[in-house]
Amino acid sequence: MLSSRHWRFPGAVFSLILVATSTGAAEPMPRWSVERAQAWQSESGWLVGANYSPAYAINQLEMWQADTFDANAIDRELGWAAGLGFSSMRVFLHHLLWEQDAKGFVERIDQFLKIADRHRIGVMFVLFDSVWDPHPRLGRQRAPQPGLHNSGWVQSPGAADLRDRDRHRLLEAYTRGVVSRFKADRRIHAWDLWNEPDNLNDNSYGRNKLKQEPADKLELTLELLKKSFAWARAADPIQPLTSGLWVGNRIGDPARLIPIERVQLEQSDVISFHSYGKLEEVKRWVSHLRQHNRPLLCTEYMARSAGSTFDPILDYLKEERIGAYNWGFVAGKTNTIYPWDSWQKPYATEPAVWFHDIFRNDGAPFDVREVEHIRQVTGAKKP
């Protein structure tokens, strides 16, 4: 039975038609068939691009909030992406933005899509993220900590909303609301429902003596990951759903998967993964994930000092028809030119070899030869 439910948040009232009620009265929408997933890949072609956060934003909230959203900056930076021959960008959203002003948030998403489309770039949106600061707050965001990688990126949901089951209604409304609004929008390539859901931030907030991460984070996230797939699938979007595996010592090996990874693989219409290792590691990922007979997307790679570089990895991903999204695009407030070990010892000066990112905030490339290689692989014309 269909049910109508009204969600009231500051600035907007959204009436959502829920395909499946919380009591499970209706059958859930099925996962895409292998044939449908392969047809999507044939239609989409080879997707290549980057994980994108504007230079002006330290995190998802600063990117999207009305007071800081900067369409001109986004237009300028996506122009640089188009110049590289990039066809798709992976972009993070946040549930608190929906709670703050659902109508305005959706309007800004649409504005972003219009800008990207002018540059002939599609978008993969990420709805939830388990990485970095577990205490997100709306409003003015803190300044970056010098020399520290991703010193202000925030989780969605944060620790408090993960624990509080009453707040899960907001997570449901956000997922259903955003996906339903854009379910037939061909400017969107895919929905990445949850970024690294099993990440405990052992290198950063997980090390904190205050134990900022919930002790039962994996159990809580597993429950919500399953629900997030059901909520998004209820909208029956024309875009595929995915959530990427990332742990390098398991590399998608069926014999070593944990429960969260099994859900990711069993529910994803197209299979995605992250690899910051050398080419040999990427090939091991592919050897395990090819068994699912579905299109593959590498939604995070490229960490120069760790041996993950455009040459030869981008070439290999194109050869194998695997979507390729490197981490980082333009150096800015996220400070991702610094490596992960900056959490143990912040850097006093800019590293000689950037960890992530391609351009400085004035559009100058970090490495001209690297940019030329990217254009050669994508077939982009020189500007």
Protein backbone atom coordinates (compact mmCIF):
# COMPACT_ATOMS: atom_id res chain seq x y z
CA MET A 1 0.00 0.00 0.00
CA LEU A 2 1.26 3.48 -0.87
CA SER A 3 1.43 5.96 1.96
CA SER A 4 1.87 9.72 2.00
CA ARG A 5 4.01 11.29 4.69
CA HIS A 6 4.84 14.95 5.30
CA TRP A 7 8.33 15.94 6.46
CA ARG A 8 8.60 19.41 7.98
CA PHE A 9 12.01 21.07 8.12
CA PRO A 10 12.99 24.74 8.37
CA GLY A 11 12.22 26.58 5.14
CA ALA A 12 10.26 23.84 3.36
CA VAL A 13 7.52 21.26 3.58
CA PHE A 14 8.06 18.19 1.44
CA SER A 15 5.32 15.65 0.82
CA LEU A 16 6.89 12.34 -0.13
CA ILE A 17 5.12 9.33 -1.52
CA LEU A 18 6.79 6.37 0.08
CA VAL A 19 6.90 3.29 -2.08
CA ALA A 20 7.66 1.06 0.86
CA THR A 21 6.44 1.90 4.34
CA SER A 22 8.55 1.45 7.44
CA THR A 23 6.61 -1.70 8.21
CA GLY A 24 7.63 -3.23 4.88
CA ALA A 25 4.08 -3.43 3.49
CA ALA A 26 5.30 -3.28 -0.10
CA GLU A 27 7.91 -5.36 -1.86
CA PRO A 28 11.21 -3.46 -2.27
CA MET A 29 12.27 -2.44 -5.76
CA PRO A 30 14.66 -5.01 -7.24
CA ARG A 31 18.33 -4.45 -7.87
CA TRP A 32 19.16 -3.81 -11.49
CA SER A 33 19.79 -6.87 -13.63
CA VAL A 34 23.27 -7.42 -15.01
CA GLU A 35 21.87 -6.68 -18.46
CA ARG A 36 20.44 -3.32 -17.37
CA ALA A 37 23.72 -2.36 -15.69
CA GLN A 38 25.70 -3.24 -18.80
CA ALA A 39 23.27 -1.27 -20.97
CA TRP A 40 23.79 1.74 -18.70
CA GLN A 41 27.56 1.45 -19.24
CA SER A 42 27.15 1.24 -23.00
CA GLU A 43 25.01 4.38 -22.96
CA SER A 44 27.23 6.32 -20.53
CA GLY A 45 30.53 5.44 -22.13
CA TRP A 46 33.81 5.69 -20.23
CA LEU A 47 33.32 8.02 -17.25
CA VAL A 48 36.43 9.93 -16.24
CA GLY A 49 36.83 12.75 -13.78
CA ALA A 50 37.65 13.65 -10.20
CA ASN A 51 36.24 13.93 -6.72
CA TYR A 52 35.31 17.58 -6.60
CA SER A 53 35.18 20.09 -3.79
CA PRO A 54 35.62 23.78 -4.68
CA ALA A 55 38.76 25.50 -3.43
CA TYR A 56 36.61 27.77 -1.25
CA ALA A 57 35.07 24.91 0.78
CA ILE A 58 36.62 23.01 3.66
CA ASN A 59 33.78 20.47 3.52
CA GLN A 60 30.36 19.59 2.07
CA LEU A 61 28.54 22.11 4.27
CA GLU A 62 30.66 25.07 3.20
CA MET A 63 30.31 24.04 -0.43
CA TRP A 64 26.49 23.97 -0.39
CA GLN A 65 25.17 26.34 2.31
CA ALA A 66 23.41 29.40 0.92
CA ASP A 67 25.83 31.87 2.54
CA THR A 68 28.91 30.26 0.99
CA PHE A 69 27.73 28.54 -2.21
CA ASP A 70 29.72 30.19 -5.03
CA ALA A 71 28.39 29.43 -8.51
CA ASN A 72 31.06 31.55 -10.20
CA ALA A 73 33.90 29.64 -8.55
CA ILE A 74 32.29 26.32 -9.45
CA ASP A 75 31.83 27.43 -13.06
CA ARG A 76 35.47 28.48 -13.30
CA GLU A 77 36.81 25.26 -11.80
CA LEU A 78 34.56 22.94 -13.81
CA GLY A 79 35.85 24.74 -16.88
CA TRP A 80 39.31 23.47 -15.97
CA ALA A 81 37.85 19.96 -15.63
CA ALA A 82 36.31 20.21 -19.10
CA GLY A 83 39.72 21.26 -20.42
CA LEU A 84 41.14 17.97 -19.19
CA GLY A 85 38.46 16.01 -21.03
CA PHE A 86 36.71 15.04 -17.81
CA SER A 87 33.14 13.85 -18.34
CA SER A 88 31.99 13.21 -14.76
CA MET A 89 32.67 14.52 -11.25
CA ARG A 90 31.97 12.82 -7.93
CA VAL A 91 30.44 15.31 -5.47
CA PHE A 92 29.43 14.94 -1.81
CA LEU A 93 26.12 16.07 -0.30
CA HIS A 94 25.07 16.16 3.40
CA HIS A 95 21.84 15.37 5.22
CA LEU A 96 22.07 18.46 7.46
CA LEU A 97 21.73 20.64 4.38
CA TRP A 98 18.35 19.02 3.73
CA GLU A 99 17.28 19.66 7.32
CA GLN A 100 18.48 23.27 7.19
CA ASP A 101 16.65 24.24 4.00
CA ALA A 102 15.45 21.36 1.82
CA LYS A 103 13.98 23.56 -0.89
CA GLY A 104 17.01 25.83 -1.14
CA PHE A 105 19.40 22.87 -1.07
CA VAL A 106 17.62 21.17 -3.95
CA GLU A 107 17.64 24.43 -5.91
CA ARG A 108 21.41 24.74 -5.43
CA ILE A 109 21.90 21.13 -6.53
CA ASP A 110 19.97 21.97 -9.69
CA GLN A 111 22.07 25.09 -10.20
CA PHE A 112 25.24 23.00 -9.82
CA LEU A 113 23.96 20.50 -12.38
CA LYS A 114 23.22 23.32 -14.84
CA ILE A 115 26.78 24.60 -14.49
CA ALA A 116 28.26 21.13 -14.92
CA ASP A 117 26.04 20.43 -17.91
CA ARG A 118 27.22 23.61 -19.65
CA HIS A 119 30.69 22.09 -19.47
CA ARG A 120 29.35 18.71 -20.69
CA ILE A 121 30.11 17.14 -17.35
CA GLY A 122 27.82 14.71 -15.53
CA VAL A 123 27.76 14.13 -11.79
CA MET A 124 27.88 11.24 -9.34
CA PHE A 125 26.42 12.37 -6.03
CA VAL A 126 27.47 10.85 -2.69
CA LEU A 127 24.71 10.91 -0.06
CA PHE A 128 26.46 9.62 3.09
CA ASP A 129 30.09 9.51 4.24
CA SER A 130 31.72 7.80 7.24
CA VAL A 131 35.09 9.55 6.98
CA TRP A 132 36.78 12.31 9.06
CA ASP A 133 35.07 14.54 11.67
CA PRO A 134 32.14 12.73 13.34
CA HIS A 135 30.63 15.96 14.70
CA PRO A 136 29.22 17.99 11.77
CA ARG A 137 27.57 21.32 12.56
CA LEU A 138 25.67 23.70 10.32
CA GLY A 139 26.64 27.34 10.02
CA ARG A 140 30.04 28.89 9.67
CA GLN A 141 32.73 26.23 9.31
CA ARG A 142 36.10 26.39 11.02
CA ALA A 143 39.24 27.48 9.18
CA PRO A 144 41.61 24.78 7.90
CA GLN A 145 44.37 23.67 10.22
CA PRO A 146 47.65 24.46 8.40
CA GLY A 147 49.45 21.49 6.90
CA LEU A 148 46.74 18.99 7.89
CA HIS A 149 44.95 16.79 5.34
CA ASN A 150 41.15 17.23 5.40
CA SER A 151 41.14 18.98 8.76
CA GLY A 152 37.48 20.02 8.42
CA TRP A 153 35.71 17.36 6.33
CA VAL A 154 32.64 16.02 8.15
CA GLN A 155 30.76 12.74 8.32
CA SER A 156 27.13 12.27 7.30
CA PRO A 157 25.52 11.10 9.48
CA GLY A 158 27.76 12.14 12.34
CA ALA A 159 28.09 10.14 15.54
CA ALA A 160 25.06 11.72 17.24
CA ASP A 161 22.68 11.15 14.31
CA LEU A 162 24.03 7.64 13.79
CA ARG A 163 23.16 6.73 17.40
CA ASP A 164 19.80 8.53 17.63
CA ARG A 165 17.14 6.40 15.92
CA ASP A 166 14.68 9.29 16.01
CA ARG A 167 17.04 11.14 13.66
CA HIS A 168 16.94 8.27 11.17
CA ARG A 169 13.62 9.64 9.91
CA LEU A 170 15.58 12.66 8.71
CA LEU A 171 18.08 10.41 6.92
CA GLU A 172 15.20 8.63 5.21
CA ALA A 173 13.50 11.88 4.18
CA TYR A 174 16.77 13.25 2.81
CA THR A 175 17.56 10.12 0.79
CA ARG A 176 14.07 9.72 -0.61
CA GLY A 177 13.67 13.45 -1.21
CA VAL A 178 16.92 14.05 -3.10
CA VAL A 179 16.83 10.87 -5.18
CA SER A 180 13.12 11.30 -6.02
CA ARG A 181 13.67 14.90 -7.14
CA PHE A 182 16.43 13.93 -9.57
CA LYS A 183 15.51 10.32 -10.35
CA ALA A 184 15.01 10.98 -14.08
CA ASP A 185 17.75 13.59 -14.48
CA ARG A 186 20.26 12.49 -17.11
CA ARG A 187 22.78 15.05 -15.87
CA ILE A 188 23.36 12.65 -12.96
CA HIS A 189 25.42 9.57 -13.81
CA ALA A 190 25.00 7.57 -10.58
CA TRP A 191 24.16 7.70 -6.88
CA ASP A 192 26.97 6.68 -4.52
CA LEU A 193 24.92 6.03 -1.40
CA TRP A 194 27.63 5.71 1.24
CA ASN A 195 31.32 6.54 1.09
CA GLU A 196 33.53 4.07 2.99
CA PRO A 197 30.81 3.00 5.45
CA ASP A 198 33.21 0.76 7.39
CA ASN A 199 35.85 3.46 7.89
CA LEU A 200 36.66 3.90 11.60
CA ASN A 201 39.11 6.77 11.00
CA ASP A 202 41.91 4.95 12.79
CA ASN A 203 44.44 7.39 11.36
CA SER A 204 42.64 10.52 12.57
CA TYR A 205 39.56 10.82 14.80
CA GLY A 206 39.66 7.13 15.70
CA ARG A 207 43.04 7.69 17.37
CA ASN A 208 41.69 10.53 19.50
CA LYS A 209 41.88 9.75 23.21
CA LEU A 210 38.32 11.06 23.59
CA LYS A 211 37.14 8.14 21.39
CA GLN A 212 35.00 10.30 19.16
CA GLU A 213 33.84 7.39 17.00
CA PRO A 214 30.95 5.28 18.40
CA ALA A 215 32.06 1.88 19.66
CA ASP A 216 29.23 0.24 17.71
CA LYS A 217 29.69 2.34 14.57
CA LEU A 218 29.92 -0.63 12.21
CA GLU A 219 26.73 -2.24 13.50
CA LEU A 220 24.78 1.02 13.29
CA THR A 221 26.13 1.80 9.83
CA LEU A 222 25.37 -1.68 8.51
CA GLU A 223 21.72 -1.27 9.47
CA LEU A 224 21.47 2.16 7.85
CA LEU A 225 23.40 1.12 4.74
CA LYS A 226 20.78 -1.55 4.02
CA LYS A 227 17.99 0.97 4.58
CA SER A 228 19.65 3.63 2.42
CA PHE A 229 19.66 1.27 -0.56
CA ALA A 230 15.97 0.52 0.00
CA TRP A 231 15.08 4.22 0.39
CA ALA A 232 16.92 5.23 -2.77
CA ARG A 233 15.70 2.27 -4.79
CA ALA A 234 12.10 3.05 -3.87
CA ALA A 235 12.35 6.12 -6.13
CA ASP A 236 13.21 3.84 -9.09
CA PRO A 237 15.88 6.21 -10.45
CA ILE A 238 17.18 5.88 -13.99
CA GLN A 239 20.68 6.16 -12.50
CA PRO A 240 22.41 3.16 -10.87
CA LEU A 241 23.08 2.88 -7.14
CA THR A 242 26.49 1.98 -5.74
CA SER A 243 28.67 2.06 -2.63
CA GLY A 244 32.39 1.44 -2.95
CA LEU A 245 34.68 -1.03 -1.20
CA TRP A 246 37.98 0.48 -0.12
CA VAL A 247 40.02 -1.66 2.28
CA GLY A 248 43.24 -2.58 0.50
CA ASN A 249 44.11 -5.69 2.47
CA ARG A 250 40.78 -7.32 1.50
CA ILE A 251 40.60 -5.97 -2.09
CA GLY A 252 37.15 -7.40 -2.67
CA ASP A 253 38.28 -10.97 -2.03
CA PRO A 254 35.06 -13.01 -1.49
CA ALA A 255 36.76 -15.06 1.23
CA ARG A 256 37.59 -11.98 3.32
CA LEU A 257 34.56 -9.73 3.00
CA ILE A 258 32.95 -8.25 6.12
CA PRO A 259 29.13 -7.84 6.37
CA ILE A 260 29.14 -4.20 5.22
CA GLU A 261 31.12 -5.11 2.11
CA ARG A 262 28.74 -7.95 1.33
CA VAL A 263 25.81 -5.52 1.39
CA GLN A 264 27.72 -3.11 -0.84
CA LEU A 265 28.37 -5.83 -3.42
CA GLU A 266 24.93 -7.43 -3.21
CA GLN A 267 23.00 -4.16 -3.47
CA SER A 268 25.07 -2.10 -5.91
CA ASP A 269 23.78 -1.93 -9.48
CA VAL A 270 27.30 -1.10 -10.63
CA ILE A 271 30.37 -2.04 -8.56
CA SER A 272 32.67 0.67 -7.25
CA PHE A 273 35.94 0.60 -5.33
CA HIS A 274 38.81 2.78 -4.09
CA SER A 275 42.49 2.05 -4.58
CA TYR A 276 45.38 4.28 -3.57
CA GLY A 277 47.99 1.64 -4.32
CA LYS A 278 50.19 1.04 -7.32
CA LEU A 279 48.90 -0.46 -10.57
CA GLU A 280 49.41 -4.00 -9.28
CA GLU A 281 46.93 -3.36 -6.45
CA VAL A 282 44.35 -1.91 -8.86
CA LYS A 283 44.67 -5.04 -11.00
CA ARG A 284 44.04 -7.25 -7.95
CA TRP A 285 40.88 -5.28 -7.18
CA VAL A 286 39.69 -5.73 -10.73
CA SER A 287 40.43 -9.46 -10.76
CA HIS A 288 38.13 -9.97 -7.75
CA LEU A 289 35.38 -7.56 -8.75
CA ARG A 290 35.11 -8.68 -12.38
CA GLN A 291 33.51 -11.86 -11.05
CA HIS A 292 30.28 -9.91 -10.49
CA ASN A 293 29.94 -9.29 -14.23
CA ARG A 294 28.84 -5.69 -13.65
CA PRO A 295 30.37 -2.36 -14.75
CA LEU A 296 33.22 -1.21 -12.51
CA LEU A 297 33.95 2.31 -11.26
CA CYS A 298 37.14 3.28 -9.44
CA THR A 299 35.69 6.18 -7.50
CA GLU A 300 38.91 7.09 -5.67
CA TYR A 301 42.55 6.75 -6.70
CA MET A 302 45.70 8.90 -7.17
CA ALA A 303 48.01 9.56 -4.26
CA ARG A 304 51.36 10.42 -5.79
CA SER A 305 53.71 9.70 -2.90
CA ALA A 306 51.94 6.36 -2.27
CA GLY A 307 52.66 5.27 -5.85
CA SER A 308 49.13 5.83 -7.19
CA THR A 309 49.66 8.03 -10.26
CA PHE A 310 47.78 8.95 -13.44
CA ASP A 311 50.51 7.29 -15.47
CA PRO A 312 49.94 4.32 -15.71
CA ILE A 313 46.71 3.86 -13.71
CA LEU A 314 44.46 6.16 -15.75
CA ASP A 315 45.63 4.42 -18.93
CA TYR A 316 44.78 1.01 -17.44
CA LEU A 317 41.33 2.08 -16.26
CA LYS A 318 40.50 3.38 -19.73
CA GLU A 319 41.77 0.16 -21.33
CA GLU A 320 39.52 -1.87 -19.04
CA ARG A 321 36.51 0.47 -19.46
CA ILE A 322 36.51 1.17 -15.71
CA GLY A 323 35.17 4.55 -14.58
CA ALA A 324 37.99 6.67 -13.15
CA TYR A 325 37.60 9.38 -10.47
CA ASN A 326 40.85 10.56 -8.91
CA TRP A 327 40.77 12.13 -5.47
CA GLY A 328 41.09 15.86 -5.50
CA PHE A 329 40.92 18.44 -8.24
CA VAL A 330 41.84 21.94 -7.12
CA ALA A 331 44.00 22.75 -4.10
CA GLY A 332 42.09 24.66 -1.48
CA LYS A 333 40.70 24.51 2.03
CA THR A 334 40.59 20.70 2.15
CA ASN A 335 44.42 20.69 2.25
CA THR A 336 44.58 17.38 0.39
CA ILE A 337 47.93 18.27 -1.17
CA TYR A 338 49.23 17.00 2.20
CA PRO A 339 49.34 13.23 2.85
CA TRP A 340 47.41 11.26 5.45
CA ASP A 341 50.42 11.12 7.81
CA SER A 342 49.99 14.86 8.39
CA TRP A 343 47.54 13.76 11.11
CA GLN A 344 50.54 12.55 13.07
CA LYS A 345 52.77 15.49 12.15
CA PRO A 346 51.28 18.48 10.29
CA TYR A 347 53.46 19.83 7.49
CA ALA A 348 55.10 23.24 7.90
CA THR A 349 55.52 23.80 4.16
CA GLU A 350 53.96 22.64 0.90
CA PRO A 351 55.22 19.15 0.01
CA ALA A 352 57.49 18.90 -3.03
CA VAL A 353 55.18 16.19 -4.36
CA TRP A 354 51.49 16.85 -3.78
CA PHE A 355 49.51 13.94 -2.37
CA HIS A 356 46.24 14.74 -4.24
CA ASP A 357 44.84 17.50 -6.49
CA ILE A 358 45.71 18.62 -10.01
CA PHE A 359 45.42 22.42 -10.08
CA ARG A 360 46.39 25.33 -7.88
CA ASN A 361 43.51 27.64 -7.02
CA ASP A 362 44.46 29.96 -9.90
CA GLY A 363 44.16 27.15 -12.44
CA ALA A 364 47.89 26.50 -12.83
CA PRO A 365 48.65 22.77 -12.91
CA PHE A 366 50.83 21.23 -10.20
CA ASP A 367 52.56 19.21 -12.93
CA VAL A 368 52.26 20.34 -16.56
CA ARG A 369 53.43 16.96 -17.93
CA GLU A 370 50.81 15.18 -15.81
CA VAL A 371 48.05 17.38 -17.22
CA GLU A 372 49.30 16.70 -20.75
CA HIS A 373 49.15 12.96 -20.02
CA ILE A 374 45.57 13.20 -18.74
CA ARG A 375 44.54 15.06 -21.90
CA GLN A 376 46.26 12.47 -24.05
CA VAL A 377 44.35 9.65 -22.36
CA THR A 378 40.97 11.43 -22.46
CA GLY A 379 41.48 12.74 -25.98
CA ALA A 380 40.95 16.35 -24.91
CA LYS A 381 42.10 19.11 -27.20
CA LYS A 382 44.69 21.52 -25.87
CA PRO A 383 43.12 24.84 -24.82
